[in-house]
Amino acid sequence: MSLLNQNKINELAGEIGEENVPVLLDIFLGELAGYNEQLSSGQLEDTSQYLAEISHALKSSAASFGADQLCELAVSFDSRVKQKVLLTDIDSSEMQNLLNQTFVEYQNLFKS
């Protein structure tokens, strides 16, 4: 599975207008950067709870923007939380890595 689903991105552009995609994408990328910054800071009181919160939020936003792998990870984490499974530092690292990769892929996509 690729990081970005170009068909979903094209579908979004068709729904909201291609001229609006960069504005919404900037907001989405700002969210990704903010999530990553919080996870990287080492200052979270409860990393597991924060991962639960952002996973819940990312399920829909990542899906809307065609960030399929990020959406899949968020759905997986959200499901584990609902099953009362604590998310770990390993999960945090996995999320940070995927947030970074997704951010870079979108930047590269819209530079072309």
PDB file of N, CA and C in Angstrom:
ATOM      1  N   MET A   1       0.846  -1.172   0.000  1.00  0.00           N
ATOM      2  CA  MET A   1       0.000   0.000   0.000  1.00  0.00           C
ATOM      3  C   MET A   1       0.895   1.240   0.000  1.00  0.00           C
ATOM      4  N   SER A   2       0.579   2.160  -0.891  1.00  0.00           N
ATOM      5  CA  SER A   2       1.375   3.383  -0.945  1.00  0.00           C
ATOM      6  C   SER A   2       0.938   4.334   0.169  1.00  0.00           C
ATOM      7  N   LEU A   3       1.791   5.298   0.456  1.00  0.00           N
ATOM      8  CA  LEU A   3       1.469   6.277   1.495  1.00  0.00           C
ATOM      9  C   LEU A   3       0.286   7.138   1.089  1.00  0.00           C
ATOM     10  N   LEU A   4       0.230   7.504  -0.190  1.00  0.00           N
ATOM     11  CA  LEU A   4      -0.808   8.407  -0.669  1.00  0.00           C
ATOM     12  C   LEU A   4      -1.653   7.734  -1.737  1.00  0.00           C
ATOM     13  N   ASN A   5      -2.941   7.925  -1.634  1.00  0.00           N
ATOM     14  CA  ASN A   5      -3.878   7.390  -2.601  1.00  0.00           C
ATOM     15  C   ASN A   5      -4.252   8.532  -3.546  1.00  0.00           C
ATOM     16  N   GLN A   6      -3.618   8.539  -4.716  1.00  0.00           N
ATOM     17  CA  GLN A   6      -3.828   9.631  -5.667  1.00  0.00           C
ATOM     18  C   GLN A   6      -5.283   9.720  -6.108  1.00  0.00           C
ATOM     19  N   ASN A   7      -5.958   8.591  -6.227  1.00  0.00           N
ATOM     20  CA  ASN A   7      -7.377   8.618  -6.616  1.00  0.00           C
ATOM     21  C   ASN A   7      -8.215   9.364  -5.584  1.00  0.00           C
ATOM     22  N   LYS A   8      -7.920   9.143  -4.311  1.00  0.00           N
ATOM     23  CA  LYS A   8      -8.652   9.826  -3.240  1.00  0.00           C
ATOM     24  C   LYS A   8      -8.361  11.326  -3.257  1.00  0.00           C
ATOM     25  N   ILE A   9      -7.117  11.679  -3.535  1.00  0.00           N
ATOM     26  CA  ILE A   9      -6.743  13.091  -3.623  1.00  0.00           C
ATOM     27  C   ILE A   9      -7.477  13.749  -4.794  1.00  0.00           C
ATOM     28  N   ASN A  10      -7.534  13.061  -5.929  1.00  0.00           N
ATOM     29  CA  ASN A  10      -8.249  13.584  -7.096  1.00  0.00           C
ATOM     30  C   ASN A  10      -9.741  13.713  -6.809  1.00  0.00           C
ATOM     31  N   GLU A  11     -10.282  12.739  -6.105  1.00  0.00           N
ATOM     32  CA  GLU A  11     -11.696  12.767  -5.727  1.00  0.00           C
ATOM     33  C   GLU A  11     -11.979  13.970  -4.823  1.00  0.00           C
ATOM     34  N   LEU A  12     -11.102  14.195  -3.870  1.00  0.00           N
ATOM     35  CA  LEU A  12     -11.248  15.343  -2.974  1.00  0.00           C
ATOM     36  C   LEU A  12     -11.202  16.644  -3.769  1.00  0.00           C
ATOM     37  N   ALA A  13     -10.269  16.742  -4.709  1.00  0.00           N
ATOM     38  CA  ALA A  13     -10.157  17.945  -5.542  1.00  0.00           C
ATOM     39  C   ALA A  13     -11.434  18.166  -6.347  1.00  0.00           C
ATOM     40  N   GLY A  14     -12.031  17.081  -6.828  1.00  0.00           N
ATOM     41  CA  GLY A  14     -13.287  17.188  -7.565  1.00  0.00           C
ATOM     42  C   GLY A  14     -14.441  17.660  -6.691  1.00  0.00           C
ATOM     43  N   GLU A  15     -14.436  17.240  -5.436  1.00  0.00           N
ATOM     44  CA  GLU A  15     -15.513  17.595  -4.513  1.00  0.00           C
ATOM     45  C   GLU A  15     -15.413  19.035  -4.023  1.00  0.00           C
ATOM     46  N   ILE A  16     -14.200  19.479  -3.721  1.00  0.00           N
ATOM     47  CA  ILE A  16     -14.052  20.797  -3.097  1.00  0.00           C
ATOM     48  C   ILE A  16     -13.479  21.852  -4.037  1.00  0.00           C
ATOM     49  N   GLY A  17     -13.046  21.413  -5.214  1.00  0.00           N
ATOM     50  CA  GLY A  17     -12.411  22.327  -6.159  1.00  0.00           C
ATOM     51  C   GLY A  17     -10.904  22.249  -6.006  1.00  0.00           C
ATOM     52  N   GLU A  18     -10.248  22.065  -7.126  1.00  0.00           N
ATOM     53  CA  GLU A  18      -8.800  21.881  -7.100  1.00  0.00           C
ATOM     54  C   GLU A  18      -8.072  23.059  -6.454  1.00  0.00           C
ATOM     55  N   GLU A  19      -8.613  24.253  -6.608  1.00  0.00           N
ATOM     56  CA  GLU A  19      -7.970  25.440  -6.038  1.00  0.00           C
ATOM     57  C   GLU A  19      -8.013  25.451  -4.509  1.00  0.00           C
ATOM     58  N   ASN A  20      -8.926  24.677  -3.922  1.00  0.00           N
ATOM     59  CA  ASN A  20      -9.047  24.631  -2.462  1.00  0.00           C
ATOM     60  C   ASN A  20      -8.176  23.568  -1.807  1.00  0.00           C
ATOM     61  N   VAL A  21      -7.669  22.638  -2.591  1.00  0.00           N
ATOM     62  CA  VAL A  21      -6.868  21.546  -2.036  1.00  0.00           C
ATOM     63  C   VAL A  21      -5.631  22.059  -1.301  1.00  0.00           C
ATOM     64  N   PRO A  22      -4.846  22.981  -1.887  1.00  0.00           N
ATOM     65  CA  PRO A  22      -3.641  23.439  -1.169  1.00  0.00           C
ATOM     66  C   PRO A  22      -3.949  24.065   0.197  1.00  0.00           C
ATOM     67  N   VAL A  23      -5.055  24.779   0.297  1.00  0.00           N
ATOM     68  CA  VAL A  23      -5.420  25.411   1.574  1.00  0.00           C
ATOM     69  C   VAL A  23      -5.721  24.346   2.617  1.00  0.00           C
ATOM     70  N   LEU A  24      -6.547  23.382   2.246  1.00  0.00           N
ATOM     71  CA  LEU A  24      -6.887  22.314   3.190  1.00  0.00           C
ATOM     72  C   LEU A  24      -5.692  21.419   3.476  1.00  0.00           C
ATOM     73  N   LEU A  25      -4.870  21.204   2.469  1.00  0.00           N
ATOM     74  CA  LEU A  25      -3.681  20.391   2.674  1.00  0.00           C
ATOM     75  C   LEU A  25      -2.732  21.056   3.667  1.00  0.00           C
ATOM     76  N   ASP A  26      -2.595  22.372   3.586  1.00  0.00           N
ATOM     77  CA  ASP A  26      -1.749  23.089   4.553  1.00  0.00           C
ATOM     78  C   ASP A  26      -2.250  22.880   5.975  1.00  0.00           C
ATOM     79  N   ILE A  27      -3.556  22.907   6.152  1.00  0.00           N
ATOM     80  CA  ILE A  27      -4.143  22.670   7.478  1.00  0.00           C
ATOM     81  C   ILE A  27      -3.834  21.254   7.935  1.00  0.00           C
ATOM     82  N   PHE A  28      -4.040  20.287   7.044  1.00  0.00           N
ATOM     83  CA  PHE A  28      -3.779  18.881   7.365  1.00  0.00           C
ATOM     84  C   PHE A  28      -2.305  18.666   7.711  1.00  0.00           C
ATOM     85  N   LEU A  29      -1.407  19.235   6.914  1.00  0.00           N
ATOM     86  CA  LEU A  29       0.020  19.075   7.177  1.00  0.00           C
ATOM     87  C   LEU A  29       0.412  19.759   8.484  1.00  0.00           C
ATOM     88  N   GLY A  30      -0.246  20.860   8.808  1.00  0.00           N
ATOM     89  CA  GLY A  30      -0.009  21.518  10.096  1.00  0.00           C
ATOM     90  C   GLY A  30      -0.399  20.618  11.250  1.00  0.00           C
ATOM     91  N   GLU A  31      -1.516  19.906  11.085  1.00  0.00           N
ATOM     92  CA  GLU A  31      -1.945  18.958  12.119  1.00  0.00           C
ATOM     93  C   GLU A  31      -0.921  17.839  12.270  1.00  0.00           C
ATOM     94  N   LEU A  32      -0.468  17.295  11.148  1.00  0.00           N
ATOM     95  CA  LEU A  32       0.526  16.207  11.204  1.00  0.00           C
ATOM     96  C   LEU A  32       1.792  16.678  11.909  1.00  0.00           C
ATOM     97  N   ALA A  33       2.256  17.871  11.558  1.00  0.00           N
ATOM     98  CA  ALA A  33       3.468  18.414  12.174  1.00  0.00           C
ATOM     99  C   ALA A  33       3.258  18.637  13.669  1.00  0.00           C
ATOM    100  N   GLY A  34       2.097  19.123  14.041  1.00  0.00           N
ATOM    101  CA  GLY A  34       1.800  19.348  15.458  1.00  0.00           C
ATOM    102  C   GLY A  34       1.754  18.049  16.244  1.00  0.00           C
ATOM    103  N   TYR A  35       1.113  17.034  15.669  1.00  0.00           N
ATOM    104  CA  TYR A  35       1.073  15.729  16.332  1.00  0.00           C
ATOM    105  C   TYR A  35       2.481  15.190  16.516  1.00  0.00           C
ATOM    106  N   ASN A  36       3.275  15.273  15.457  1.00  0.00           N
ATOM    107  CA  ASN A  36       4.631  14.750  15.518  1.00  0.00           C
ATOM    108  C   ASN A  36       5.473  15.515  16.537  1.00  0.00           C
ATOM    109  N   GLU A  37       5.304  16.823  16.579  1.00  0.00           N
ATOM    110  CA  GLU A  37       6.060  17.636  17.532  1.00  0.00           C
ATOM    111  C   GLU A  37       5.726  17.237  18.969  1.00  0.00           C
ATOM    112  N   GLN A  38       4.452  17.035  19.245  1.00  0.00           N
ATOM    113  CA  GLN A  38       4.052  16.630  20.595  1.00  0.00           C
ATOM    114  C   GLN A  38       4.631  15.263  20.954  1.00  0.00           C
ATOM    115  N   LEU A  39       4.560  14.325  20.011  1.00  0.00           N
ATOM    116  CA  LEU A  39       5.097  12.984  20.278  1.00  0.00           C
ATOM    117  C   LEU A  39       6.610  13.018  20.448  1.00  0.00           C
ATOM    118  N   SER A  40       7.284  13.871  19.719  1.00  0.00           N
ATOM    119  CA  SER A  40       8.742  13.954  19.758  1.00  0.00           C
ATOM    120  C   SER A  40       9.265  14.716  20.968  1.00  0.00           C
ATOM    121  N   SER A  41       8.429  15.542  21.553  1.00  0.00           N
ATOM    122  CA  SER A  41       8.893  16.437  22.619  1.00  0.00           C
ATOM    123  C   SER A  41       9.317  15.705  23.884  1.00  0.00           C
ATOM    124  N   GLY A  42       8.742  14.539  24.111  1.00  0.00           N
ATOM    125  CA  GLY A  42       9.049  13.816  25.339  1.00  0.00           C
ATOM    126  C   GLY A  42       8.430  14.446  26.570  1.00  0.00           C
ATOM    127  N   GLN A  43       7.516  15.378  26.362  1.00  0.00           N
ATOM    128  CA  GLN A  43       6.918  16.091  27.485  1.00  0.00           C
ATOM    129  C   GLN A  43       5.455  15.726  27.723  1.00  0.00           C
ATOM    130  N   LEU A  44       4.987  14.699  27.056  1.00  0.00           N
ATOM    131  CA  LEU A  44       3.602  14.281  27.261  1.00  0.00           C
ATOM    132  C   LEU A  44       3.471  13.546  28.590  1.00  0.00           C
ATOM    133  N   GLU A  45       2.434  13.870  29.324  1.00  0.00           N
ATOM    134  CA  GLU A  45       2.183  13.148  30.575  1.00  0.00           C
ATOM    135  C   GLU A  45       1.756  11.719  30.300  1.00  0.00           C
ATOM    136  N   ASP A  46       0.936  11.545  29.267  1.00  0.00           N
ATOM    137  CA  ASP A  46       0.404  10.229  28.954  1.00  0.00           C
ATOM    138  C   ASP A  46       0.436  10.022  27.440  1.00  0.00           C
ATOM    139  N   THR A  47       1.529   9.445  26.958  1.00  0.00           N
ATOM    140  CA  THR A  47       1.707   9.236  25.527  1.00  0.00           C
ATOM    141  C   THR A  47       0.617   8.330  24.973  1.00  0.00           C
ATOM    142  N   SER A  48       0.246   7.307  25.730  1.00  0.00           N
ATOM    143  CA  SER A  48      -0.786   6.379  25.276  1.00  0.00           C
ATOM    144  C   SER A  48      -2.104   7.108  25.044  1.00  0.00           C
ATOM    145  N   GLN A  49      -2.478   7.977  25.953  1.00  0.00           N
ATOM    146  CA  GLN A  49      -3.725   8.734  25.814  1.00  0.00           C
ATOM    147  C   GLN A  49      -3.654   9.681  24.622  1.00  0.00           C
ATOM    148  N   TYR A  50      -2.505  10.333  24.444  1.00  0.00           N
ATOM    149  CA  TYR A  50      -2.340  11.247  23.308  1.00  0.00           C
ATOM    150  C   TYR A  50      -2.427  10.482  21.994  1.00  0.00           C
ATOM    151  N   LEU A  51      -1.791   9.324  21.920  1.00  0.00           N
ATOM    152  CA  LEU A  51      -1.888   8.496  20.717  1.00  0.00           C
ATOM    153  C   LEU A  51      -3.333   8.085  20.452  1.00  0.00           C
ATOM    154  N   ALA A  52      -4.066   7.795  21.507  1.00  0.00           N
ATOM    155  CA  ALA A  52      -5.472   7.444  21.354  1.00  0.00           C
ATOM    156  C   ALA A  52      -6.253   8.614  20.766  1.00  0.00           C
ATOM    157  N   GLU A  53      -5.992   9.804  21.273  1.00  0.00           N
ATOM    158  CA  GLU A  53      -6.705  10.989  20.796  1.00  0.00           C
ATOM    159  C   GLU A  53      -6.376  11.297  19.337  1.00  0.00           C
ATOM    160  N   ILE A  54      -5.099  11.284  18.997  1.00  0.00           N
ATOM    161  CA  ILE A  54      -4.764  11.639  17.614  1.00  0.00           C
ATOM    162  C   ILE A  54      -5.157  10.532  16.644  1.00  0.00           C
ATOM    163  N   SER A  55      -5.131   9.293  17.088  1.00  0.00           N
ATOM    164  CA  SER A  55      -5.559   8.198  16.223  1.00  0.00           C
ATOM    165  C   SER A  55      -7.032   8.345  15.877  1.00  0.00           C
ATOM    166  N   HIS A  56      -7.815   8.711  16.858  1.00  0.00           N
ATOM    167  CA  HIS A  56      -9.243   8.913  16.608  1.00  0.00           C
ATOM    168  C   HIS A  56      -9.449  10.046  15.597  1.00  0.00           C
ATOM    169  N   ALA A  57      -8.715  11.131  15.757  1.00  0.00           N
ATOM    170  CA  ALA A  57      -8.839  12.269  14.840  1.00  0.00           C
ATOM    171  C   ALA A  57      -8.311  11.932  13.445  1.00  0.00           C
ATOM    172  N   LEU A  58      -7.220  11.178  13.389  1.00  0.00           N
ATOM    173  CA  LEU A  58      -6.594  10.876  12.105  1.00  0.00           C
ATOM    174  C   LEU A  58      -7.386   9.882  11.259  1.00  0.00           C
ATOM    175  N   LYS A  59      -8.234   9.092  11.893  1.00  0.00           N
ATOM    176  CA  LYS A  59      -8.994   8.116  11.111  1.00  0.00           C
ATOM    177  C   LYS A  59      -9.721   8.797   9.960  1.00  0.00           C
ATOM    178  N   SER A  60     -10.409   9.880  10.243  1.00  0.00           N
ATOM    179  CA  SER A  60     -11.189  10.530   9.184  1.00  0.00           C
ATOM    180  C   SER A  60     -10.362  11.499   8.358  1.00  0.00           C
ATOM    181  N   SER A  61      -9.495  12.280   8.998  1.00  0.00           N
ATOM    182  CA  SER A  61      -8.748  13.266   8.210  1.00  0.00           C
ATOM    183  C   SER A  61      -7.768  12.586   7.261  1.00  0.00           C
ATOM    184  N   ALA A  62      -7.082  11.555   7.722  1.00  0.00           N
ATOM    185  CA  ALA A  62      -6.147  10.841   6.846  1.00  0.00           C
ATOM    186  C   ALA A  62      -6.901  10.166   5.701  1.00  0.00           C
ATOM    187  N   ALA A  63      -8.057   9.615   5.997  1.00  0.00           N
ATOM    188  CA  ALA A  63      -8.867   8.988   4.947  1.00  0.00           C
ATOM    189  C   ALA A  63      -9.312  10.022   3.921  1.00  0.00           C
ATOM    190  N   SER A  64      -9.720  11.178   4.389  1.00  0.00           N
ATOM    191  CA  SER A  64     -10.186  12.235   3.478  1.00  0.00           C
ATOM    192  C   SER A  64      -9.095  12.700   2.532  1.00  0.00           C
ATOM    193  N   PHE A  65      -7.861  12.733   3.013  1.00  0.00           N
ATOM    194  CA  PHE A  65      -6.748  13.213   2.207  1.00  0.00           C
ATOM    195  C   PHE A  65      -6.004  12.099   1.488  1.00  0.00           C
ATOM    196  N   GLY A  66      -6.486  10.875   1.572  1.00  0.00           N
ATOM    197  CA  GLY A  66      -5.848   9.783   0.853  1.00  0.00           C
ATOM    198  C   GLY A  66      -4.559   9.291   1.474  1.00  0.00           C
ATOM    199  N   ALA A  67      -4.356   9.592   2.752  1.00  0.00           N
ATOM    200  CA  ALA A  67      -3.164   9.105   3.458  1.00  0.00           C
ATOM    201  C   ALA A  67      -3.497   7.713   4.002  1.00  0.00           C
ATOM    202  N   ASP A  68      -3.512   6.743   3.100  1.00  0.00           N
ATOM    203  CA  ASP A  68      -4.035   5.415   3.411  1.00  0.00           C
ATOM    204  C   ASP A  68      -3.282   4.699   4.532  1.00  0.00           C
ATOM    205  N   GLN A  69      -1.960   4.715   4.506  1.00  0.00           N
ATOM    206  CA  GLN A  69      -1.212   4.010   5.550  1.00  0.00           C
ATOM    207  C   GLN A  69      -1.411   4.669   6.909  1.00  0.00           C
ATOM    208  N   LEU A  70      -1.444   5.986   6.921  1.00  0.00           N
ATOM    209  CA  LEU A  70      -1.671   6.702   8.174  1.00  0.00           C
ATOM    210  C   LEU A  70      -3.066   6.401   8.702  1.00  0.00           C
ATOM    211  N   CYS A  71      -4.040   6.371   7.818  1.00  0.00           N
ATOM    212  CA  CYS A  71      -5.404   6.027   8.213  1.00  0.00           C
ATOM    213  C   CYS A  71      -5.451   4.612   8.779  1.00  0.00           C
ATOM    214  N   GLU A  72      -4.787   3.676   8.105  1.00  0.00           N
ATOM    215  CA  GLU A  72      -4.774   2.286   8.555  1.00  0.00           C
ATOM    216  C   GLU A  72      -4.155   2.157   9.947  1.00  0.00           C
ATOM    217  N   LEU A  73      -3.063   2.863  10.178  1.00  0.00           N
ATOM    218  CA  LEU A  73      -2.428   2.824  11.498  1.00  0.00           C
ATOM    219  C   LEU A  73      -3.347   3.444  12.552  1.00  0.00           C
ATOM    220  N   ALA A  74      -3.969   4.558  12.212  1.00  0.00           N
ATOM    221  CA  ALA A  74      -4.878   5.225  13.150  1.00  0.00           C
ATOM    222  C   ALA A  74      -6.067   4.323  13.496  1.00  0.00           C
ATOM    223  N   VAL A  75      -6.612   3.646  12.506  1.00  0.00           N
ATOM    224  CA  VAL A  75      -7.727   2.724  12.745  1.00  0.00           C
ATOM    225  C   VAL A  75      -7.276   1.581  13.659  1.00  0.00           C
ATOM    226  N   SER A  76      -6.077   1.066  13.396  1.00  0.00           N
ATOM    227  CA  SER A  76      -5.537  -0.016  14.216  1.00  0.00           C
ATOM    228  C   SER A  76      -5.358   0.429  15.669  1.00  0.00           C
ATOM    229  N   PHE A  77      -4.745   1.588  15.860  1.00  0.00           N
ATOM    230  CA  PHE A  77      -4.536   2.103  17.214  1.00  0.00           C
ATOM    231  C   PHE A  77      -5.865   2.367  17.904  1.00  0.00           C
ATOM    232  N   ASP A  78      -6.808   2.960  17.184  1.00  0.00           N
ATOM    233  CA  ASP A  78      -8.111   3.267  17.763  1.00  0.00           C
ATOM    234  C   ASP A  78      -8.829   1.987  18.189  1.00  0.00           C
ATOM    235  N   SER A  79      -8.710   0.963  17.382  1.00  0.00           N
ATOM    236  CA  SER A  79      -9.319  -0.330  17.714  1.00  0.00           C
ATOM    237  C   SER A  79      -8.688  -0.924  18.970  1.00  0.00           C
ATOM    238  N   ARG A  80      -7.368  -0.834  19.071  1.00  0.00           N
ATOM    239  CA  ARG A  80      -6.684  -1.353  20.253  1.00  0.00           C
ATOM    240  C   ARG A  80      -7.114  -0.603  21.507  1.00  0.00           C
ATOM    241  N   VAL A  81      -7.266   0.718  21.390  1.00  0.00           N
ATOM    242  CA  VAL A  81      -7.703   1.520  22.531  1.00  0.00           C
ATOM    243  C   VAL A  81      -9.101   1.087  22.971  1.00  0.00           C
ATOM    244  N   LYS A  82      -9.970   0.853  22.028  1.00  0.00           N
ATOM    245  CA  LYS A  82     -11.340   0.416  22.351  1.00  0.00           C
ATOM    246  C   LYS A  82     -11.343  -0.944  23.036  1.00  0.00           C
ATOM    247  N   GLN A  83     -10.302  -1.732  22.780  1.00  0.00           N
ATOM    248  CA  GLN A  83     -10.155  -3.036  23.430  1.00  0.00           C
ATOM    249  C   GLN A  83      -9.384  -2.923  24.735  1.00  0.00           C
ATOM    250  N   LYS A  84      -9.123  -1.681  25.152  1.00  0.00           N
ATOM    251  CA  LYS A  84      -8.427  -1.384  26.413  1.00  0.00           C
ATOM    252  C   LYS A  84      -6.958  -1.825  26.403  1.00  0.00           C
ATOM    253  N   VAL A  85      -6.344  -1.806  25.207  1.00  0.00           N
ATOM    254  CA  VAL A  85      -4.928  -2.126  25.080  1.00  0.00           C
ATOM    255  C   VAL A  85      -4.161  -0.804  25.083  1.00  0.00           C
ATOM    256  N   LEU A  86      -3.217  -0.666  26.011  1.00  0.00           N
ATOM    257  CA  LEU A  86      -2.421   0.556  26.084  1.00  0.00           C
ATOM    258  C   LEU A  86      -1.457   0.640  24.908  1.00  0.00           C
ATOM    259  N   LEU A  87      -1.338   1.830  24.361  1.00  0.00           N
ATOM    260  CA  LEU A  87      -0.368   2.072  23.296  1.00  0.00           C
ATOM    261  C   LEU A  87       0.977   2.381  23.948  1.00  0.00           C
ATOM    262  N   THR A  88       2.040   1.957  23.303  1.00  0.00           N
ATOM    263  CA  THR A  88       3.377   1.999  23.905  1.00  0.00           C
ATOM    264  C   THR A  88       4.299   3.004  23.208  1.00  0.00           C
ATOM    265  N   ASP A  89       5.516   3.099  23.727  1.00  0.00           N
ATOM    266  CA  ASP A  89       6.528   3.940  23.089  1.00  0.00           C
ATOM    267  C   ASP A  89       6.868   3.432  21.691  1.00  0.00           C
ATOM    268  N   ILE A  90       6.799   2.139  21.486  1.00  0.00           N
ATOM    269  CA  ILE A  90       7.029   1.570  20.151  1.00  0.00           C
ATOM    270  C   ILE A  90       5.940   2.066  19.198  1.00  0.00           C
ATOM    271  N   ASP A  91       4.703   2.098  19.677  1.00  0.00           N
ATOM    272  CA  ASP A  91       3.603   2.617  18.866  1.00  0.00           C
ATOM    273  C   ASP A  91       3.820   4.099  18.561  1.00  0.00           C
ATOM    274  N   SER A  92       4.306   4.827  19.549  1.00  0.00           N
ATOM    275  CA  SER A  92       4.591   6.244  19.363  1.00  0.00           C
ATOM    276  C   SER A  92       5.642   6.441  18.276  1.00  0.00           C
ATOM    277  N   SER A  93       6.688   5.638  18.309  1.00  0.00           N
ATOM    278  CA  SER A  93       7.732   5.716  17.285  1.00  0.00           C
ATOM    279  C   SER A  93       7.183   5.389  15.905  1.00  0.00           C
ATOM    280  N   GLU A  94       6.338   4.383  15.847  1.00  0.00           N
ATOM    281  CA  GLU A  94       5.730   4.001  14.572  1.00  0.00           C
ATOM    282  C   GLU A  94       4.871   5.145  14.028  1.00  0.00           C
ATOM    283  N   MET A  95       4.095   5.777  14.910  1.00  0.00           N
ATOM    284  CA  MET A  95       3.251   6.888  14.490  1.00  0.00           C
ATOM    285  C   MET A  95       4.111   8.065  14.024  1.00  0.00           C
ATOM    286  N   GLN A  96       5.159   8.379  14.784  1.00  0.00           N
ATOM    287  CA  GLN A  96       6.041   9.489  14.404  1.00  0.00           C
ATOM    288  C   GLN A  96       6.662   9.249  13.033  1.00  0.00           C
ATOM    289  N   ASN A  97       7.141   8.050  12.812  1.00  0.00           N
ATOM    290  CA  ASN A  97       7.754   7.703  11.543  1.00  0.00           C
ATOM    291  C   ASN A  97       6.773   7.880  10.388  1.00  0.00           C
ATOM    292  N   LEU A  98       5.572   7.394  10.572  1.00  0.00           N
ATOM    293  CA  LEU A  98       4.572   7.483   9.505  1.00  0.00           C
ATOM    294  C   LEU A  98       4.080   8.916   9.314  1.00  0.00           C
ATOM    295  N   LEU A  99       3.967   9.678  10.397  1.00  0.00           N
ATOM    296  CA  LEU A  99       3.617  11.096  10.263  1.00  0.00           C
ATOM    297  C   LEU A  99       4.674  11.817   9.428  1.00  0.00           C
ATOM    298  N   ASN A 100       5.949  11.551   9.714  1.00  0.00           N
ATOM    299  CA  ASN A 100       7.046  12.179   8.958  1.00  0.00           C
ATOM    300  C   ASN A 100       7.014  11.778   7.488  1.00  0.00           C
ATOM    301  N   GLN A 101       6.879  10.502   7.234  1.00  0.00           N
ATOM    302  CA  GLN A 101       6.872  10.010   5.853  1.00  0.00           C
ATOM    303  C   GLN A 101       5.713  10.605   5.071  1.00  0.00           C
ATOM    304  N   THR A 102       4.553  10.643   5.683  1.00  0.00           N
ATOM    305  CA  THR A 102       3.362  11.173   5.017  1.00  0.00           C
ATOM    306  C   THR A 102       3.534  12.657   4.728  1.00  0.00           C
ATOM    307  N   PHE A 103       4.044  13.389   5.699  1.00  0.00           N
ATOM    308  CA  PHE A 103       4.281  14.817   5.535  1.00  0.00           C
ATOM    309  C   PHE A 103       5.198  15.069   4.329  1.00  0.00           C
ATOM    310  N   VAL A 104       6.301  14.338   4.265  1.00  0.00           N
ATOM    311  CA  VAL A 104       7.268  14.509   3.178  1.00  0.00           C
ATOM    312  C   VAL A 104       6.649  14.141   1.833  1.00  0.00           C
ATOM    313  N   GLU A 105       5.896  13.061   1.797  1.00  0.00           N
ATOM    314  CA  GLU A 105       5.265  12.634   0.540  1.00  0.00           C
ATOM    315  C   GLU A 105       4.307  13.694   0.009  1.00  0.00           C
ATOM    316  N   TYR A 106       3.519  14.294   0.890  1.00  0.00           N
ATOM    317  CA  TYR A 106       2.603  15.351   0.440  1.00  0.00           C
ATOM    318  C   TYR A 106       3.369  16.577  -0.023  1.00  0.00           C
ATOM    319  N   GLN A 107       4.423  16.936   0.666  1.00  0.00           N
ATOM    320  CA  GLN A 107       5.226  18.073   0.220  1.00  0.00           C
ATOM    321  C   GLN A 107       5.807  17.812  -1.166  1.00  0.00           C
ATOM    322  N   ASN A 108       6.309  16.615  -1.387  1.00  0.00           N
ATOM    323  CA  ASN A 108       6.881  16.250  -2.686  1.00  0.00           C
ATOM    324  C   ASN A 108       5.810  16.208  -3.778  1.00  0.00           C
ATOM    325  N   LEU A 109       4.651  15.731  -3.441  1.00  0.00           N
ATOM    326  CA  LEU A 109       3.557  15.624  -4.411  1.00  0.00           C
ATOM    327  C   LEU A 109       3.156  16.998  -4.926  1.00  0.00           C
ATOM    328  N   PHE A 110       3.086  17.960  -4.030  1.00  0.00           N
ATOM    329  CA  PHE A 110       2.590  19.266  -4.430  1.00  0.00           C
ATOM    330  C   PHE A 110       3.699  20.228  -4.860  1.00  0.00           C
ATOM    331  N   LYS A 111       4.955  19.767  -4.793  1.00  0.00           N
ATOM    332  CA  LYS A 111       6.057  20.553  -5.353  1.00  0.00           C
ATOM    333  C   LYS A 111       6.120  20.380  -6.862  1.00  0.00           C
ATOM    334  N   SER A 112       5.697  19.190  -7.323  1.00  0.00           N
ATOM    335  CA  SER A 112       5.806  18.870  -8.744  1.00  0.00           C
ATOM    336  C   SER A 112       4.833  19.676  -9.582  1.00  0.00           C
TER     337      SER A 112
END
